[in-house]
């Protein structure tokens, strides 16, 4: 529906068309693009069948607060008034639109940026060639200088709490990045210098994990090493929770138990909540508020804060609290969970993008230390399997644009064989676009490994069809696909693959297939 709308896309400077295999892949790719480039990814679909195909990806973006713009080509306004039965409509008396009528476009775009949520724009067929007046000089869509100014009383509140605290801890969570406050959060941590900080699984990559104040990943009672739990929940007198997203998988199954005597402050995107006191509106947003705190901070008023050490071992300072890989574990040369995740973290370097699928990879990578300036993309709350592969496509497009077409950081996808089967066709889109810096690691465990750990390890519903993954690139049109695909069954196999120039400085898509000899991370 409304194909002529597409002809106008090529007339927009710096707007690129990326044709995916289906609408769901497009929605996932727009999500990944937005997370990496920190601007909305745009999905264009037809009405009904197209927008409903994309809706699971839109739901994921909504749940995890990712900016996307969904443009839907619809029937003419006359057909909508008459409720005509046109193809792609729903039911015998269709209203032609899955979502509500459109507000003004400028309001829609501003809402996307301010709320970090998906928005919809519907374009009827009889609107495509209509001319309109030039836009009014409305509020700029660039939010680098947000207005209004942050409330001074909130800045003063946070400063007074920091000055009074004897053992403060800062939690950095996903909504810091979603709402564009990564640089402000880093500036705050660097200015505080000696105040311990932890990341959540969804917030990884925001804190520089080499920093001396970084303790590790806080996942409630599932945190490792155990000293992280003591530092946050038992010993602290102030916890600043920046950009919180308290889903079960991000909090260790809601197992956080921060002491009742501790002052707990949640700095949400547009609100500050102090436990036992109340909530305070912040229309300026979290980025402006953190910037205001940094600007007003007088470090001479901060108390000396001892760095926790009990139960943290070598994990205190420098982000070394990760699970150490054991090259001599009991499984010999077989690839194990205990070995592969720290090894992949070592393989990464600053500037890379790491995309992790829901399940095994997601949990395995939560408590390893990432290099500084690695962008970590994962969908942990909505957790729709199949998300990561198209998100990798979007991330790679964003990375290429950010580098001006030049070769930049690598985009490393870690996915499972079961998940990849849901959206594998977007590998064809990567091949079509000629992406050159994508490394795909398919964990080949012959089924849904994480589900087997939860329930039914031998049940047929956790089995999948056995694919020959080494033929995937060739099937999707890569003429050199077979030589760019490799299988690793031992640690030595994978070490040799990761050392190849095609992996250290890739100039094409590469696929490797590590096979585990054990179940998922406990």
Protein backbone atom coordinates (compact mmCIF):
# COMPACT_ATOMS: atom_id res chain seq x y z
CA UNK A 1 0.00 0.00 0.00
CA UNK A 2 1.28 3.48 -0.90
CA UNK A 3 4.40 2.43 -2.81
CA UNK A 4 4.82 5.91 -4.30
CA UNK A 5 5.73 7.14 -0.83
CA UNK A 6 9.01 5.25 -1.12
CA UNK A 7 10.10 7.31 -4.12
CA UNK A 8 10.55 10.36 -1.90
CA UNK A 9 13.02 8.68 0.44
CA UNK A 10 15.88 8.93 -2.06
CA UNK A 11 15.30 12.69 -2.34
CA UNK A 12 16.24 13.28 1.30
CA UNK A 13 19.92 14.04 1.87
CA UNK A 14 21.70 11.62 4.24
CA UNK A 15 18.67 9.31 4.40
CA UNK A 16 19.51 5.78 3.28
CA UNK A 17 17.13 3.04 2.24
CA UNK A 18 17.82 -0.37 3.77
CA UNK A 19 15.44 -2.99 2.41
CA UNK A 20 15.12 -5.88 4.86
CA UNK A 21 13.70 -9.33 4.25
CA UNK A 22 10.59 -8.65 6.33
CA UNK A 23 9.03 -6.04 8.57
CA UNK A 24 9.95 -7.72 11.86
CA UNK A 25 13.61 -7.68 10.84
CA UNK A 26 13.25 -4.00 9.94
CA UNK A 27 11.83 -3.18 13.37
CA UNK A 28 14.60 -5.05 15.17
CA UNK A 29 17.23 -3.42 12.93
CA UNK A 30 15.83 0.06 13.63
CA UNK A 31 16.08 -0.71 17.34
CA UNK A 32 19.74 -1.75 17.05
CA UNK A 33 20.50 1.27 14.86
CA UNK A 34 18.97 3.62 17.42
CA UNK A 35 20.91 2.15 20.34
CA UNK A 36 24.24 2.57 18.56
CA UNK A 37 23.74 5.93 16.85
CA UNK A 38 21.59 7.48 19.59
CA UNK A 39 19.03 8.75 17.09
CA UNK A 40 15.76 7.22 15.91
CA UNK A 41 15.76 4.33 13.50
CA UNK A 42 12.94 4.59 10.96
CA UNK A 43 10.74 1.72 9.79
CA UNK A 44 8.51 2.07 6.73
CA UNK A 45 5.78 -0.55 6.22
CA UNK A 46 2.42 -0.98 4.63
CA UNK A 47 -0.70 -0.94 6.78
CA UNK A 48 -2.23 -4.02 8.41
CA UNK A 49 -0.05 -6.94 7.40
CA UNK A 50 3.13 -4.85 7.39
CA UNK A 51 2.67 -2.97 10.64
CA UNK A 52 1.45 -6.10 12.41
CA UNK A 53 4.50 -8.01 11.19
CA UNK A 54 6.69 -5.27 12.68
CA UNK A 55 4.72 -4.90 15.90
CA UNK A 56 6.81 -7.31 18.02
CA UNK A 57 9.91 -5.26 17.27
CA UNK A 58 8.02 -2.06 18.07
CA UNK A 59 6.83 -3.59 21.34
CA UNK A 60 10.41 -4.40 22.28
CA UNK A 61 11.52 -0.84 21.54
CA UNK A 62 8.63 0.48 23.64
CA UNK A 63 9.43 -1.84 26.55
CA UNK A 64 13.14 -0.96 26.58
CA UNK A 65 12.62 2.74 25.69
CA UNK A 66 14.34 2.84 22.31
CA UNK A 67 13.61 5.64 19.83
CA UNK A 68 12.04 4.44 16.57
CA UNK A 69 9.77 6.13 14.04
CA UNK A 70 7.25 3.89 12.30
CA UNK A 71 5.87 5.28 9.03
CA UNK A 72 2.85 3.38 7.72
CA UNK A 73 1.45 3.76 4.22
CA UNK A 74 -2.35 3.59 4.39
CA UNK A 75 -5.39 3.71 2.13
CA UNK A 76 -6.83 6.99 0.94
CA UNK A 77 -8.84 9.17 3.29
CA UNK A 78 -11.97 8.44 1.24
CA UNK A 79 -11.50 4.68 1.69
CA UNK A 80 -11.00 5.23 5.40
CA UNK A 81 -14.19 7.28 5.69
CA UNK A 82 -16.16 4.64 3.80
CA UNK A 83 -14.54 1.78 5.74
CA UNK A 84 -13.99 0.04 2.41
CA UNK A 85 -12.79 -3.56 2.41
CA UNK A 86 -9.34 -2.98 0.91
CA UNK A 87 -6.53 -5.55 0.91
CA UNK A 88 -4.38 -5.52 4.07
CA UNK A 89 -7.33 -4.29 6.18
CA UNK A 90 -8.64 -6.20 9.19
CA UNK A 91 -12.10 -7.70 9.38
CA UNK A 92 -15.44 -7.09 7.59
CA UNK A 93 -15.86 -3.46 8.73
CA UNK A 94 -12.29 -2.13 8.76
CA UNK A 95 -11.18 1.20 10.12
CA UNK A 96 -7.91 0.81 8.13
CA UNK A 97 -5.65 1.77 11.01
CA UNK A 98 -4.23 -0.38 13.79
CA UNK A 99 -3.29 2.69 15.84
CA UNK A 100 -4.99 5.98 16.67
CA UNK A 101 -5.23 9.05 14.37
CA UNK A 102 -2.17 11.20 13.81
CA UNK A 103 -1.31 14.32 15.81
CA UNK A 104 0.93 16.85 14.01
CA UNK A 105 4.21 15.36 12.73
CA UNK A 106 6.44 17.81 14.60
CA UNK A 107 4.74 16.81 17.86
CA UNK A 108 5.25 13.13 17.05
CA UNK A 109 8.95 13.59 16.38
CA UNK A 110 9.47 15.69 19.49
CA UNK A 111 7.67 13.05 21.56
CA UNK A 112 9.97 10.34 20.19
CA UNK A 113 13.05 12.28 21.24
CA UNK A 114 11.75 13.43 24.61
CA UNK A 115 10.30 10.11 25.77
CA UNK A 116 12.69 7.74 23.99
CA UNK A 117 9.73 5.69 22.79
CA UNK A 118 8.48 4.51 19.38
CA UNK A 119 6.04 6.73 17.49
CA UNK A 120 3.78 6.24 14.44
CA UNK A 121 3.11 8.42 11.39
CA UNK A 122 0.36 7.32 8.97
CA UNK A 123 0.48 8.55 5.36
CA UNK A 124 -2.69 8.01 3.26
CA UNK A 125 -2.22 7.46 -0.48
CA UNK A 126 -3.84 10.79 -1.34
CA UNK A 127 -1.37 12.68 0.88
CA UNK A 128 1.81 11.46 -0.83
CA UNK A 129 2.05 14.07 -3.59
CA UNK A 130 0.45 16.94 -1.67
CA UNK A 131 2.62 20.02 -1.20
CA UNK A 132 2.76 21.66 2.21
CA UNK A 133 4.00 24.93 3.62
CA UNK A 134 7.56 25.03 4.95
CA UNK A 135 7.73 24.01 8.62
CA UNK A 136 7.40 26.74 11.18
CA UNK A 137 10.50 27.51 13.30
CA UNK A 138 9.37 25.21 16.07
CA UNK A 139 11.51 23.79 18.85
CA UNK A 140 14.66 22.28 17.35
CA UNK A 141 14.68 18.51 17.15
CA UNK A 142 18.31 18.49 18.24
CA UNK A 143 18.18 17.88 21.99
CA UNK A 144 21.85 18.56 22.71
CA UNK A 145 20.78 21.56 24.80
CA UNK A 146 17.57 20.47 26.52
CA UNK A 147 15.07 22.95 27.86
CA UNK A 148 13.84 23.86 30.38
CA UNK A 149 16.74 24.03 32.81
CA UNK A 150 16.78 21.31 35.47
CA UNK A 151 15.15 22.28 38.76
CA UNK A 152 17.81 23.76 41.03
CA UNK A 153 16.20 22.20 44.09
CA UNK A 154 16.81 18.72 42.63
CA UNK A 155 20.45 19.54 41.90
CA UNK A 156 20.83 20.83 45.45
CA UNK A 157 19.12 17.74 46.85
CA UNK A 158 21.47 15.35 45.09
CA UNK A 159 24.53 17.40 46.01
CA UNK A 160 23.56 17.54 49.69
CA UNK A 161 23.05 13.77 49.77
CA UNK A 162 26.46 13.19 48.19
CA UNK A 163 28.19 15.58 50.61
CA UNK A 164 26.60 13.90 53.64
CA UNK A 165 27.17 10.29 52.58
CA UNK A 166 29.92 8.24 54.22
CA UNK A 167 29.59 5.13 52.04
CA UNK A 168 27.73 6.04 48.84
CA UNK A 169 27.35 3.69 45.87
CA UNK A 170 26.11 4.55 42.40
CA UNK A 171 24.17 2.10 40.20
CA UNK A 172 24.20 2.88 36.47
CA UNK A 173 21.35 1.37 34.49
CA UNK A 174 20.07 1.19 30.93
CA UNK A 175 17.86 4.28 30.81
CA UNK A 176 20.93 6.48 31.20
CA UNK A 177 21.95 5.50 27.68
CA UNK A 178 18.43 5.42 26.26
CA UNK A 179 17.90 9.04 27.26
CA UNK A 180 21.25 10.25 25.99
CA UNK A 181 22.93 10.78 29.36
CA UNK A 182 25.95 8.46 29.01
CA UNK A 183 28.53 11.25 28.82
CA UNK A 184 26.95 13.09 31.75
CA UNK A 185 26.92 9.93 33.89
CA UNK A 186 30.56 9.26 33.07
CA UNK A 187 31.47 12.86 33.92
CA UNK A 188 29.72 12.52 37.28
CA UNK A 189 31.54 9.29 38.13
CA UNK A 190 34.90 10.72 37.06
CA UNK A 191 34.30 13.87 39.11
CA UNK A 192 33.33 11.89 42.21
CA UNK A 193 36.49 9.83 41.60
CA UNK A 194 36.42 7.52 44.62
CA UNK A 195 32.70 6.75 44.92
CA UNK A 196 32.15 3.07 44.06
CA UNK A 197 29.94 2.37 41.05
CA UNK A 198 28.29 -0.73 39.66
CA UNK A 199 26.53 -1.49 36.40
CA UNK A 200 23.44 -3.56 35.81
CA UNK A 201 23.37 -6.21 33.06
CA UNK A 202 21.32 -3.88 30.85
CA UNK A 203 23.55 -0.93 31.70
CA UNK A 204 26.86 -2.51 30.68
CA UNK A 205 29.04 -0.34 28.50
CA UNK A 206 27.97 2.96 30.09
CA UNK A 207 30.58 2.93 32.88
CA UNK A 208 34.20 2.67 31.84
CA UNK A 209 34.90 -0.71 33.40
CA UNK A 210 38.65 -0.04 33.65
CA UNK A 211 37.97 2.84 36.07
CA UNK A 212 39.23 2.39 39.65
CA UNK A 213 35.77 3.06 41.08
CA UNK A 214 34.06 0.26 39.09
CA UNK A 215 33.14 -2.74 41.25
CA UNK A 216 31.35 -4.96 38.73
CA UNK A 217 27.84 -5.94 37.65
CA UNK A 218 25.07 -5.70 40.22
CA UNK A 219 22.31 -8.29 39.66
CA UNK A 220 20.72 -8.37 43.09
CA UNK A 221 21.56 -11.51 45.06
CA UNK A 222 22.91 -13.13 41.88
CA UNK A 223 25.84 -10.68 41.74
CA UNK A 224 29.32 -12.12 41.47
CA UNK A 225 31.57 -11.77 43.37
CA UNK A 226 29.42 -11.66 46.48
CA UNK A 227 31.15 -8.56 47.81
CA UNK A 228 29.18 -6.48 45.31
CA UNK A 229 25.96 -7.34 47.14
CA UNK A 230 27.48 -6.37 50.49
CA UNK A 231 28.80 -3.07 49.13
CA UNK A 232 25.45 -2.05 47.65
CA UNK A 233 22.89 -3.58 50.00
CA UNK A 234 24.52 -3.81 53.43
CA UNK A 235 27.33 -1.30 53.79
CA UNK A 236 26.09 1.73 51.83
CA UNK A 237 24.31 4.70 53.38
CA UNK A 238 23.37 6.25 50.02
CA UNK A 239 22.50 4.48 46.76
CA UNK A 240 22.00 6.63 43.67
CA UNK A 241 20.22 4.49 41.07
CA UNK A 242 20.71 6.25 37.72
CA UNK A 243 18.31 5.42 34.88
CA UNK A 244 16.72 2.40 36.58
CA UNK A 245 14.93 -0.33 34.65
CA UNK A 246 13.94 -2.86 37.29
CA UNK A 247 12.95 -5.90 35.25
CA UNK A 248 13.39 -9.38 36.72
CA UNK A 249 16.36 -10.34 34.57
CA UNK A 250 18.07 -7.01 35.27
CA UNK A 251 17.73 -7.32 39.06
CA UNK A 252 18.39 -10.99 39.72
CA UNK A 253 14.72 -11.91 39.76
CA UNK A 254 13.80 -8.85 41.86
CA UNK A 255 16.23 -10.00 44.55
CA UNK A 256 17.59 -6.56 45.47
CA UNK A 257 17.41 -5.95 49.23
CA UNK A 258 18.93 -2.52 49.87
CA UNK A 259 19.02 -1.86 53.62
CA UNK A 260 16.09 0.09 55.06
CA UNK A 261 18.45 2.58 56.73
CA UNK A 262 20.09 3.48 53.43
CA UNK A 263 18.90 6.52 51.48
CA UNK A 264 17.79 5.15 48.10
CA UNK A 265 17.38 7.67 45.28
CA UNK A 266 16.12 6.68 41.84
CA UNK A 267 17.07 9.22 39.18
CA UNK A 268 14.54 8.32 36.50
CA UNK A 269 14.40 9.89 33.02
CA UNK A 270 11.94 12.63 34.10
CA UNK A 271 11.57 12.11 37.83
CA UNK A 272 13.62 11.74 41.01
CA UNK A 273 12.22 9.37 43.65
CA UNK A 274 13.60 9.31 47.20
CA UNK A 275 12.53 6.25 49.14
CA UNK A 276 10.32 7.18 52.06
CA UNK A 277 10.19 10.84 51.03
CA UNK A 278 8.43 11.18 47.68
CA UNK A 279 8.88 11.88 43.98
CA UNK A 280 9.95 15.11 42.26
CA UNK A 281 9.20 15.94 38.63
CA UNK A 282 12.13 16.77 36.32
CA UNK A 283 10.84 18.04 32.98
CA UNK A 284 14.38 18.83 31.82
CA UNK A 285 15.29 15.14 31.80
CA UNK A 286 18.05 13.05 33.30
CA UNK A 287 20.79 14.35 31.00
CA UNK A 288 20.31 17.97 32.02
CA UNK A 289 19.97 17.03 35.69
CA UNK A 290 23.23 15.04 35.76
CA UNK A 291 25.00 17.83 33.89
CA UNK A 292 23.75 20.27 36.52
CA UNK A 293 25.02 18.09 39.35
CA UNK A 294 28.46 17.84 37.73
CA UNK A 295 28.61 21.61 37.21
CA UNK A 296 27.64 22.30 40.82
CA UNK A 297 29.75 19.63 42.51
CA UNK A 298 32.38 20.86 44.97
CA UNK A 299 34.71 17.90 45.47
CA UNK A 300 36.21 19.46 48.59
CA UNK A 301 32.89 18.86 50.36
CA UNK A 302 32.90 15.11 49.63
CA UNK A 303 33.85 12.77 52.44
CA UNK A 304 36.65 10.26 51.95
CA UNK A 305 34.95 7.08 50.78
CA UNK A 306 36.70 3.75 51.44
CA UNK A 307 36.68 1.37 48.51
CA UNK A 308 34.98 -1.93 49.40
CA UNK A 309 37.25 -4.94 49.36
CA UNK A 310 35.71 -7.77 51.36
CA UNK A 311 34.49 -10.47 49.02
CA UNK A 312 35.65 -8.55 45.96
CA UNK A 313 39.22 -9.83 45.80
CA UNK A 314 41.00 -8.56 42.70
CA UNK A 315 37.71 -7.08 41.51
CA UNK A 316 38.22 -3.79 43.34
CA UNK A 317 39.37 -1.06 40.98
CA UNK A 318 39.99 -1.36 37.28
CA UNK A 319 36.98 -3.52 36.57
CA UNK A 320 38.82 -6.78 37.14
CA UNK A 321 36.02 -8.47 39.03
CA UNK A 322 35.04 -10.49 35.99
CA UNK A 323 34.86 -14.22 35.91
CA UNK A 324 38.38 -15.33 35.05
CA UNK A 325 38.70 -17.78 32.22
CA UNK A 326 40.26 -21.04 33.14
CA UNK A 327 42.41 -22.44 30.37
CA UNK A 328 43.01 -25.61 32.36
CA UNK A 329 39.46 -26.40 33.51
CA UNK A 330 38.25 -29.94 33.99
CA UNK A 331 36.78 -30.17 30.49
CA UNK A 332 40.20 -29.99 28.86
CA UNK A 333 40.18 -28.38 25.46
CA UNK A 334 36.40 -28.39 25.08
CA UNK A 335 34.66 -25.03 24.83
CA UNK A 336 32.86 -24.32 28.10
CA UNK A 337 30.77 -21.51 29.53
CA UNK A 338 33.43 -20.72 32.13
CA UNK A 339 35.98 -20.18 29.38
CA UNK A 340 34.25 -18.62 26.39
CA UNK A 341 32.68 -15.48 27.86
CA UNK A 342 35.85 -14.02 29.40
CA UNK A 343 37.68 -15.03 26.22
CA UNK A 344 35.25 -13.10 24.04
CA UNK A 345 35.59 -10.09 26.35
CA UNK A 346 39.36 -10.23 25.83
CA UNK A 347 38.80 -10.35 22.07
CA UNK A 348 36.89 -7.07 22.10
CA UNK A 349 38.58 -3.68 21.88
CA UNK A 350 37.50 -0.03 22.31
CA UNK A 351 35.13 1.10 19.59
CA UNK A 352 33.58 -2.32 19.02
CA UNK A 353 29.85 -2.99 19.20
CA UNK A 354 28.81 -6.19 21.00
CA UNK A 355 25.34 -7.56 20.25
CA UNK A 356 24.18 -10.39 22.51
CA UNK A 357 21.11 -12.53 22.02
CA UNK A 358 18.65 -13.28 24.81
CA UNK A 359 19.46 -16.29 26.92
CA UNK A 360 22.84 -18.00 27.14
CA UNK A 361 24.99 -15.22 25.66
CA UNK A 362 23.18 -12.53 27.62
CA UNK A 363 23.71 -14.15 30.99
CA UNK A 364 27.24 -15.29 30.17
CA UNK A 365 28.38 -11.79 29.24
CA UNK A 366 26.77 -10.03 32.21
CA UNK A 367 29.65 -10.46 34.64
CA UNK A 368 32.69 -10.19 32.39
CA UNK A 369 34.58 -6.90 32.13
CA UNK A 370 34.23 -5.13 28.79
CA UNK A 371 36.89 -2.81 27.38
CA UNK A 372 36.17 0.90 27.61
CA UNK A 373 33.97 2.40 24.90
CA UNK A 374 32.41 -0.88 23.79
CA UNK A 375 28.74 -0.39 22.93
CA UNK A 376 26.72 -3.27 24.35
CA UNK A 377 23.39 -4.07 22.69
CA UNK A 378 21.04 -6.64 24.19
CA UNK A 379 17.30 -6.93 24.75
CA UNK A 380 17.08 -8.27 28.29
CA UNK A 381 13.70 -7.07 29.49
CA UNK A 382 11.49 -7.83 26.47
CA UNK A 383 13.81 -10.73 25.60
CA UNK A 384 12.42 -11.68 22.20
CA UNK A 385 14.64 -14.38 20.77
CA UNK A 386 15.68 -13.63 17.22
CA UNK A 387 16.14 -9.93 18.06
CA UNK A 388 19.93 -9.86 18.05
CA UNK A 389 20.67 -10.78 14.43
CA UNK A 390 18.61 -7.99 12.81
CA UNK A 391 19.72 -5.64 15.60
CA UNK A 392 23.27 -6.44 14.53
CA UNK A 393 22.32 -5.38 11.00
CA UNK A 394 21.05 -2.05 12.30
CA UNK A 395 24.10 -1.61 14.53
CA UNK A 396 26.45 -2.25 11.60
CA UNK A 397 24.62 0.28 9.41
CA UNK A 398 24.83 2.84 12.22
CA UNK A 399 28.51 2.14 12.76
CA UNK A 400 29.22 2.58 9.04
CA UNK A 401 27.36 5.89 8.97
CA UNK A 402 29.10 7.18 12.08
CA UNK A 403 32.47 6.45 10.47
CA UNK A 404 31.48 8.20 7.24
CA UNK A 405 31.72 4.94 5.31
CA UNK A 406 35.26 4.28 6.54
CA UNK A 407 36.21 1.08 8.30
CA UNK A 408 35.62 1.49 12.02
CA UNK A 409 34.94 -0.67 15.03
CA UNK A 410 33.86 -4.25 14.63
CA UNK A 411 30.27 -5.34 15.19
CA UNK A 412 30.35 -8.67 17.02
CA UNK A 413 27.15 -10.70 17.22
CA UNK A 414 26.86 -13.59 19.68
CA UNK A 415 23.68 -15.56 19.12
CA UNK A 416 22.35 -19.08 19.53
CA UNK A 417 21.41 -21.48 16.77
CA UNK A 418 17.78 -21.53 17.89
CA UNK A 419 17.48 -17.75 18.01
CA UNK A 420 19.26 -17.24 14.70
CA UNK A 421 16.82 -19.50 12.89
CA UNK A 422 14.01 -17.01 13.60
CA UNK A 423 15.59 -14.09 11.73
CA UNK A 424 18.50 -15.52 9.72
CA UNK A 425 17.22 -13.98 6.48
CA UNK A 426 18.62 -10.61 7.53
CA UNK A 427 22.11 -12.04 6.94
CA UNK A 428 21.10 -11.68 3.28
CA UNK A 429 20.49 -7.99 3.89
CA UNK A 430 23.98 -7.66 5.38
CA UNK A 431 25.44 -9.35 2.30
CA UNK A 432 23.39 -7.13 -0.03
CA UNK A 433 24.62 -3.98 1.73
CA UNK A 434 28.24 -5.10 1.56
CA UNK A 435 28.82 -4.72 5.29
CA UNK A 436 32.47 -5.42 6.03
CA UNK A 437 32.96 -5.37 9.77
CA UNK A 438 30.42 -7.92 11.05
CA UNK A 439 31.54 -11.00 12.99
CA UNK A 440 28.79 -13.54 13.66
CA UNK A 441 29.33 -16.18 16.35
CA UNK A 442 26.56 -18.77 16.34
CA UNK A 443 26.57 -20.87 19.51
CA UNK A 444 25.74 -24.26 18.04
CA UNK A 445 24.08 -26.27 20.81
CA UNK A 446 21.43 -28.06 18.74
CA UNK A 447 18.48 -26.38 20.40
CA UNK A 448 17.21 -23.97 23.01
CA UNK A 449 19.93 -24.32 25.63
CA UNK A 450 18.62 -21.77 28.11
CA UNK A 451 15.14 -23.30 27.94
CA UNK A 452 16.59 -26.74 28.58
CA UNK A 453 18.22 -25.40 31.71
CA UNK A 454 14.90 -24.00 32.90
CA UNK A 455 12.63 -26.93 32.03
CA UNK A 456 12.54 -30.03 29.86
CA UNK A 457 16.20 -30.68 29.05
CA UNK A 458 15.34 -33.72 26.94
CA UNK A 459 11.95 -32.60 25.65
CA UNK A 460 11.23 -32.32 21.94
CA UNK A 461 9.96 -28.75 22.25
CA UNK A 462 13.54 -27.63 22.94
CA UNK A 463 14.87 -29.24 19.76
CA UNK A 464 15.43 -27.41 16.49
CA UNK A 465 16.14 -28.40 12.90
CA UNK A 466 19.87 -29.02 12.32
CA UNK A 467 21.15 -26.36 9.93
CA UNK A 468 24.48 -26.39 8.15
CA UNK A 469 25.56 -22.96 9.33
CA UNK A 470 28.73 -22.99 7.26
CA UNK A 471 26.56 -22.65 4.16
CA UNK A 472 24.60 -19.66 5.47
CA UNK A 473 26.65 -16.90 3.85
CA UNK A 474 26.75 -18.75 0.54
CA UNK A 475 23.00 -19.34 0.59
CA UNK A 476 22.41 -15.62 1.10
CA UNK A 477 24.54 -14.64 -1.85
CA UNK A 478 28.09 -14.22 -0.55
CA UNK A 479 30.27 -15.67 -3.31
CA UNK A 480 33.08 -16.27 -0.81
CA UNK A 481 30.76 -17.39 1.95
CA UNK A 482 32.17 -20.88 2.43
CA UNK A 483 35.71 -19.68 3.08
CA UNK A 484 34.41 -17.03 5.46
CA UNK A 485 32.65 -19.61 7.65
CA UNK A 486 34.47 -21.66 10.26
CA UNK A 487 33.64 -24.19 12.95
CA UNK A 488 35.25 -24.37 16.37
CA UNK A 489 34.89 -27.47 18.51
CA UNK A 490 37.83 -26.86 20.85
CA UNK A 491 39.41 -23.92 22.62
CA UNK A 492 42.33 -24.13 20.23
CA UNK A 493 40.00 -23.98 17.23
CA UNK A 494 38.39 -20.81 18.52
CA UNK A 495 41.71 -19.23 19.54
CA UNK A 496 43.01 -19.79 16.02
CA UNK A 497 39.87 -18.27 14.49
CA UNK A 498 39.91 -15.17 16.69
CA UNK A 499 43.57 -14.57 15.83
CA UNK A 500 42.91 -14.48 12.07
CA UNK A 501 43.28 -11.13 10.29
CA UNK A 502 39.71 -11.58 9.08
CA UNK A 503 38.66 -11.24 12.73
CA UNK A 504 41.15 -8.72 14.03
CA UNK A 505 40.69 -6.41 11.01
CA UNK A 506 37.66 -7.72 9.10
CA UNK A 507 36.92 -6.60 5.56
CA UNK A 508 33.87 -8.83 5.11
CA UNK A 509 31.22 -10.68 7.09
CA UNK A 510 32.68 -13.65 8.98
CA UNK A 511 30.79 -16.52 10.64
CA UNK A 512 32.16 -18.89 13.29
CA UNK A 513 30.39 -21.74 15.08
CA UNK A 514 31.59 -22.46 18.62
CA UNK A 515 30.03 -25.62 20.07
CA UNK A 516 29.70 -25.95 23.85
CA UNK A 517 30.24 -29.15 25.77
CA UNK A 518 28.06 -28.06 28.71
CA UNK A 519 24.82 -26.30 29.57
CA UNK A 520 24.20 -22.62 30.21
CA UNK A 521 25.68 -20.46 32.91
CA UNK A 522 24.40 -21.40 36.35
